[in-house]
Amino acid sequence: MPWYTLSVRSLSGRLKMLTLIWVAAAMLSIVFTLVLSWQLEGGGAAINDAGSLRMQTYRLAFLVAEQTPSAELAPQFAKFEHTIDTLQHGDPARPLFLPNDAAVKAKMQAIKTRWQQHTKPLLQSDAIHNRETIAQEHIRVFVGDIDELVQMVERDNTGKTTLLRLFQSMLLAMVLIGAGVMIVLLYLWVIRPLAELQNGVAAIRSGDFGVQMRPDNTAEFNNLATGLNQMSSHLADLYQNLQAQVAEKT
C-alpha cells in the first residue's frame, strides 16, 4: 500500500498532517506580519527624515541669508546630502527605506536632481542676497516637492496599516475556525471511535459474546475493532462449545 494512503488512513498520520498545516499557516502569518511591521517601521523613519529635509532647507536658506561663512555652511550641506542619500538608498539597520513604488522613487529622484542642479547652486551663490525673492520662490517649490514625497509615503503607510489590521482580523478568524475544525475532527477521529469500542467492551463484559464492532476509517482504531471482533467471535465459540460439553456431560 502506498505511503500516502497509509498516512491518510493512519490517525497519527492525520494528526501529523494537521500539525504541519497549522504550523505552516502560523509561520506564514508570523512572517507576513513581521514583514509588514518592518515596512511600516522603515516607512515611518523615512517620513521623519523626509520631514527633516524641510527644516534643513529653511535653516540653510536662513543661514545663507545671514551671510554665514562657507566653512560653517559646509557641514549643513553635507548633512542635507547625507539625508537625501539615506532616503534614496535606504538603511536596513535602522530600518529606513522608501516604499517600493515607482511614483515615490521618481519623486525622490526629482528632489535630488532639483537639489543638485538648482537649490544647492542657488544657496551657494554669492549673489543670493541680491535676488532674495527668486530664492524664496525656489525654496517654496523645493519644499513643496518634499511635502509631496512625505504625503506619498504616509499614504503608503496608511495602506499597509489597513492591510495589517485586515490580516490580523483574518488571522483571528482562522484561529477560531481552526479550533472549531479541530474539535470536530477530534470527535470524528478519536472520541466517537473510542466510545464505540467502549460500548463493545461493555457488551462483552455483560455476556453479549459475538458482538461485532464497525470498521473505522483510521488504521489504529480499525485494527483495534478487528482485534475486538476476533476476540468476541472466539469467546462466542468457546461459550457455545462449553454449553455443548455441559449438555453432553449432564
Protein backbone atom coordinates (compact mmCIF):
# COMPACT_ATOMS: atom_id res chain seq x y z
CA MET A 1 0.00 0.00 0.00
CA PRO A 2 1.43 3.43 -0.91
CA TRP A 3 2.86 5.53 1.90
CA TYR A 4 0.46 8.40 1.23
CA THR A 5 -2.55 6.06 1.62
CA LEU A 6 -1.20 4.91 4.96
CA SER A 7 -0.62 8.47 6.10
CA VAL A 8 -4.20 9.44 5.19
CA ARG A 9 -5.77 6.39 6.86
CA SER A 10 -3.50 6.47 9.88
CA LEU A 11 -4.65 8.57 12.84
CA SER A 12 -1.09 9.53 13.66
CA GLY A 13 -0.54 10.49 10.01
CA ARG A 14 -3.64 12.66 10.02
CA LEU A 15 -2.61 14.38 13.24
CA LYS A 16 0.90 14.98 11.87
CA MET A 17 -0.55 16.37 8.65
CA LEU A 18 -2.86 18.72 10.54
CA THR A 19 0.01 19.81 12.76
CA LEU A 20 2.22 20.55 9.75
CA ILE A 21 -0.55 22.53 8.05
CA TRP A 22 -1.23 24.51 11.24
CA VAL A 23 2.46 25.22 11.86
CA ALA A 24 2.99 26.25 8.21
CA ALA A 25 -0.01 28.59 8.31
CA ALA A 26 1.15 30.08 11.62
CA MET A 27 4.70 30.58 10.31
CA LEU A 28 3.48 32.26 7.11
CA SER A 29 1.21 34.51 9.15
CA ILE A 30 4.02 35.49 11.51
CA VAL A 31 6.43 36.15 8.63
CA PHE A 32 3.87 38.26 6.75
CA THR A 33 3.08 40.24 9.90
CA LEU A 34 6.78 40.82 10.62
CA VAL A 35 7.43 41.96 7.04
CA LEU A 36 4.54 44.43 7.18
CA SER A 37 5.67 45.72 10.57
CA TRP A 38 9.23 46.11 9.27
CA GLN A 39 7.97 48.02 6.23
CA LEU A 40 5.84 50.26 8.41
CA GLU A 41 8.81 50.98 10.67
CA GLY A 42 11.01 51.76 7.67
CA GLY A 43 8.33 53.99 6.17
CA GLY A 44 7.91 55.85 9.46
CA ALA A 45 11.65 56.52 9.63
CA ALA A 46 11.57 57.71 6.01
CA ILE A 47 8.75 60.13 6.88
CA ASN A 48 10.81 61.54 9.74
CA ASP A 49 13.92 62.01 7.60
CA ALA A 50 11.98 63.44 4.67
CA GLY A 51 10.26 65.83 7.04
CA SER A 52 13.65 66.89 8.41
CA LEU A 53 14.64 67.95 4.87
CA ARG A 54 12.13 70.78 5.11
CA MET A 55 13.65 72.06 8.33
CA GLN A 56 17.17 71.73 6.93
CA THR A 57 16.17 73.62 3.79
CA TYR A 58 14.74 76.53 5.75
CA ARG A 59 17.78 76.51 8.03
CA LEU A 60 20.17 76.63 5.07
CA ALA A 61 18.18 79.45 3.48
CA PHE A 62 18.26 81.39 6.75
CA LEU A 63 22.00 80.88 7.23
CA VAL A 64 22.71 81.93 3.65
CA ALA A 65 20.54 85.00 4.03
CA GLU A 66 22.51 85.88 7.16
CA GLN A 67 25.69 85.60 5.06
CA THR A 68 27.09 82.77 7.23
CA PRO A 69 30.69 81.87 6.27
CA SER A 70 31.12 78.95 3.87
CA ALA A 71 33.11 76.99 6.44
CA GLU A 72 30.08 76.92 8.73
CA LEU A 73 27.68 76.11 5.89
CA ALA A 74 29.65 73.13 4.61
CA PRO A 75 28.56 70.72 7.41
CA GLN A 76 24.93 71.73 6.85
CA PHE A 77 25.17 70.98 3.13
CA ALA A 78 26.89 67.66 3.90
CA LYS A 79 24.14 66.72 6.39
CA PHE A 80 21.44 67.57 3.86
CA GLU A 81 23.03 65.45 1.14
CA HIS A 82 23.57 62.58 3.57
CA THR A 83 19.86 62.63 4.40
CA ILE A 84 18.95 62.57 0.71
CA ASP A 85 21.30 59.65 0.02
CA THR A 86 19.93 57.73 3.02
CA LEU A 87 16.38 58.25 1.82
CA GLN A 88 17.17 57.20 -1.72
CA HIS A 89 19.22 54.09 -0.89
CA GLY A 90 17.69 53.17 2.46
CA ASP A 91 19.25 51.98 5.69
CA PRO A 92 18.20 48.42 6.68
CA ALA A 93 19.97 48.71 10.02
CA ARG A 94 17.57 51.38 11.36
CA PRO A 95 15.42 50.30 9.38
CA LEU A 96 14.69 53.14 6.93
CA PHE A 97 13.56 52.89 3.34
CA LEU A 98 11.09 54.38 0.92
CA PRO A 99 8.16 52.27 -0.35
CA ASN A 100 8.90 50.15 -3.39
CA ASP A 101 6.73 52.34 -5.58
CA ALA A 102 7.70 53.84 -8.93
CA ALA A 103 5.99 57.18 -8.22
CA VAL A 104 7.75 57.54 -4.86
CA LYS A 105 11.14 56.70 -6.34
CA ALA A 106 10.57 59.14 -9.21
CA LYS A 107 9.65 61.91 -6.76
CA MET A 108 12.77 61.17 -4.68
CA GLN A 109 14.94 61.34 -7.78
CA ALA A 110 13.30 64.61 -8.81
CA ILE A 111 14.06 66.11 -5.38
CA LYS A 112 17.68 65.00 -5.58
CA THR A 113 18.04 66.38 -9.11
CA ARG A 114 16.46 69.71 -8.16
CA TRP A 115 18.77 69.94 -5.16
CA GLN A 116 21.92 69.22 -7.16
CA GLN A 117 21.09 71.34 -10.21
CA HIS A 118 19.14 74.27 -8.77
CA THR A 119 18.71 74.57 -5.00
CA LYS A 120 22.27 73.89 -3.91
CA PRO A 121 23.89 76.16 -6.55
CA LEU A 122 21.39 78.89 -5.68
CA LEU A 123 22.15 78.67 -1.94
CA GLN A 124 25.88 78.66 -2.62
CA SER A 125 25.64 81.70 -4.90
CA ASP A 126 27.34 84.81 -3.58
CA ALA A 127 24.66 86.97 -5.10
CA ILE A 128 21.72 85.27 -3.38
CA HIS A 129 21.11 88.24 -1.11
CA ASN A 130 20.59 90.36 -4.24
CA ARG A 131 17.81 88.08 -5.50
CA GLU A 132 16.06 87.12 -2.29
CA THR A 133 12.60 86.99 -3.89
CA ILE A 134 13.72 84.46 -6.51
CA ALA A 135 15.40 82.35 -3.83
CA GLN A 136 12.31 82.32 -1.62
CA GLU A 137 10.11 81.20 -4.52
CA HIS A 138 12.52 78.42 -5.41
CA ILE A 139 12.73 77.28 -1.78
CA ARG A 140 8.93 77.22 -1.61
CA VAL A 141 8.72 74.97 -4.70
CA PHE A 142 11.51 72.72 -3.41
CA VAL A 143 9.85 72.30 -0.02
CA GLY A 144 6.56 71.62 -1.82
CA ASP A 145 8.21 68.66 -3.56
CA ILE A 146 9.41 67.38 -0.20
CA ASP A 147 5.88 67.73 1.19
CA GLU A 148 4.53 65.67 -1.71
CA LEU A 149 7.09 62.95 -1.01
CA VAL A 150 6.13 62.85 2.67
CA GLN A 151 2.44 62.60 1.78
CA MET A 152 3.09 59.76 -0.67
CA VAL A 153 4.99 57.77 1.98
CA GLU A 154 2.25 58.50 4.53
CA ARG A 155 -0.43 57.20 2.14
CA ASP A 156 1.60 54.05 1.54
CA ASN A 157 1.99 53.51 5.29
CA THR A 158 -1.73 54.04 5.78
CA GLY A 159 -2.48 51.37 3.20
CA LYS A 160 -0.07 48.94 4.84
CA THR A 161 -1.56 49.64 8.26
CA THR A 162 -5.02 48.84 6.90
CA LEU A 163 -3.66 45.67 5.30
CA LEU A 164 -2.01 44.66 8.57
CA ARG A 165 -5.24 45.13 10.52
CA LEU A 166 -7.20 43.20 7.89
CA PHE A 167 -4.69 40.36 8.00
CA GLN A 168 -4.79 40.29 11.81
CA SER A 169 -8.58 40.04 11.65
CA MET A 170 -8.28 37.18 9.14
CA LEU A 171 -5.73 35.51 11.41
CA LEU A 172 -8.15 35.73 14.34
CA ALA A 173 -10.93 34.24 12.20
CA MET A 174 -8.55 31.48 11.06
CA VAL A 175 -7.73 30.63 14.68
CA LEU A 176 -11.42 30.41 15.62
CA ILE A 177 -12.32 28.35 12.53
CA GLY A 178 -9.27 26.13 13.04
CA ALA A 179 -10.25 25.49 16.64
CA GLY A 180 -13.76 24.50 15.55
CA VAL A 181 -12.42 22.19 12.83
CA MET A 182 -10.03 20.56 15.30
CA ILE A 183 -12.87 19.90 17.75
CA VAL A 184 -15.00 18.28 15.03
CA LEU A 185 -12.11 16.18 13.70
CA LEU A 186 -11.09 15.04 17.17
CA TYR A 187 -14.66 13.94 17.78
CA LEU A 188 -14.84 12.07 14.46
CA TRP A 189 -11.36 10.55 14.62
CA VAL A 190 -10.85 9.89 18.34
CA ILE A 191 -13.82 10.42 20.65
CA ARG A 192 -16.51 8.59 18.65
CA PRO A 193 -14.36 5.52 17.79
CA LEU A 194 -13.30 5.26 21.45
CA ALA A 195 -16.93 5.44 22.56
CA GLU A 196 -17.86 2.63 20.15
CA LEU A 197 -15.00 0.48 21.40
CA GLN A 198 -16.05 1.12 24.99
CA ASN A 199 -19.62 0.09 24.11
CA GLY A 200 -18.31 -3.12 22.56
CA VAL A 201 -16.19 -3.94 25.61
CA ALA A 202 -19.19 -3.24 27.87
CA ALA A 203 -21.34 -5.58 25.75
CA ILE A 204 -18.78 -8.40 26.00
CA ARG A 205 -18.44 -7.80 29.75
CA SER A 206 -22.21 -8.20 30.10
CA GLY A 207 -22.11 -11.55 28.29
CA ASP A 208 -23.06 -10.48 24.76
CA PHE A 209 -20.40 -12.63 23.13
CA GLY A 210 -20.12 -12.36 19.37
CA VAL A 211 -20.85 -8.63 19.23
CA GLN A 212 -19.08 -7.01 16.27
CA MET A 213 -17.62 -3.53 16.01
CA ARG A 214 -17.95 -1.42 12.86
CA PRO A 215 -14.68 -0.97 10.94
CA ASP A 216 -13.24 2.51 11.44
CA ASN A 217 -11.71 4.75 8.77
CA THR A 218 -8.46 5.12 10.72
CA ALA A 219 -5.88 2.36 10.74
CA GLU A 220 -5.31 2.33 14.51
CA PHE A 221 -8.97 2.09 15.54
CA ASN A 222 -9.70 -0.27 12.65
CA ASN A 223 -7.03 -2.63 13.97
CA LEU A 224 -8.49 -2.39 17.47
CA ALA A 225 -12.00 -3.06 16.15
CA THR A 226 -10.76 -6.05 14.14
CA GLY A 227 -8.97 -7.49 17.17
CA LEU A 228 -12.00 -6.94 19.39
CA ASN A 229 -14.25 -8.61 16.79
CA GLN A 230 -11.94 -11.61 16.61
CA MET A 231 -11.83 -11.87 20.40
CA SER A 232 -15.62 -11.57 20.60
CA SER A 233 -16.09 -14.30 17.98
CA HIS A 234 -13.60 -16.52 19.75
CA LEU A 235 -15.37 -16.04 23.09
CA ALA A 236 -18.71 -16.83 21.44
CA ASP A 237 -17.28 -20.08 20.01
CA LEU A 238 -15.80 -21.02 23.37
CA TYR A 239 -19.08 -20.30 25.14
CA GLN A 240 -21.08 -22.38 22.67
CA ASN A 241 -18.60 -25.28 22.91
CA LEU A 242 -18.73 -25.07 26.70
CA GLN A 243 -22.53 -25.19 26.63
CA ALA A 244 -22.40 -28.23 24.34
CA GLN A 245 -19.91 -30.00 26.61
CA VAL A 246 -22.02 -29.25 29.70
CA ALA A 247 -25.15 -30.59 27.98
CA GLU A 248 -23.31 -33.74 26.91
CA LYS A 249 -22.00 -34.37 30.45
CA THR A 250 -25.35 -33.80 32.10
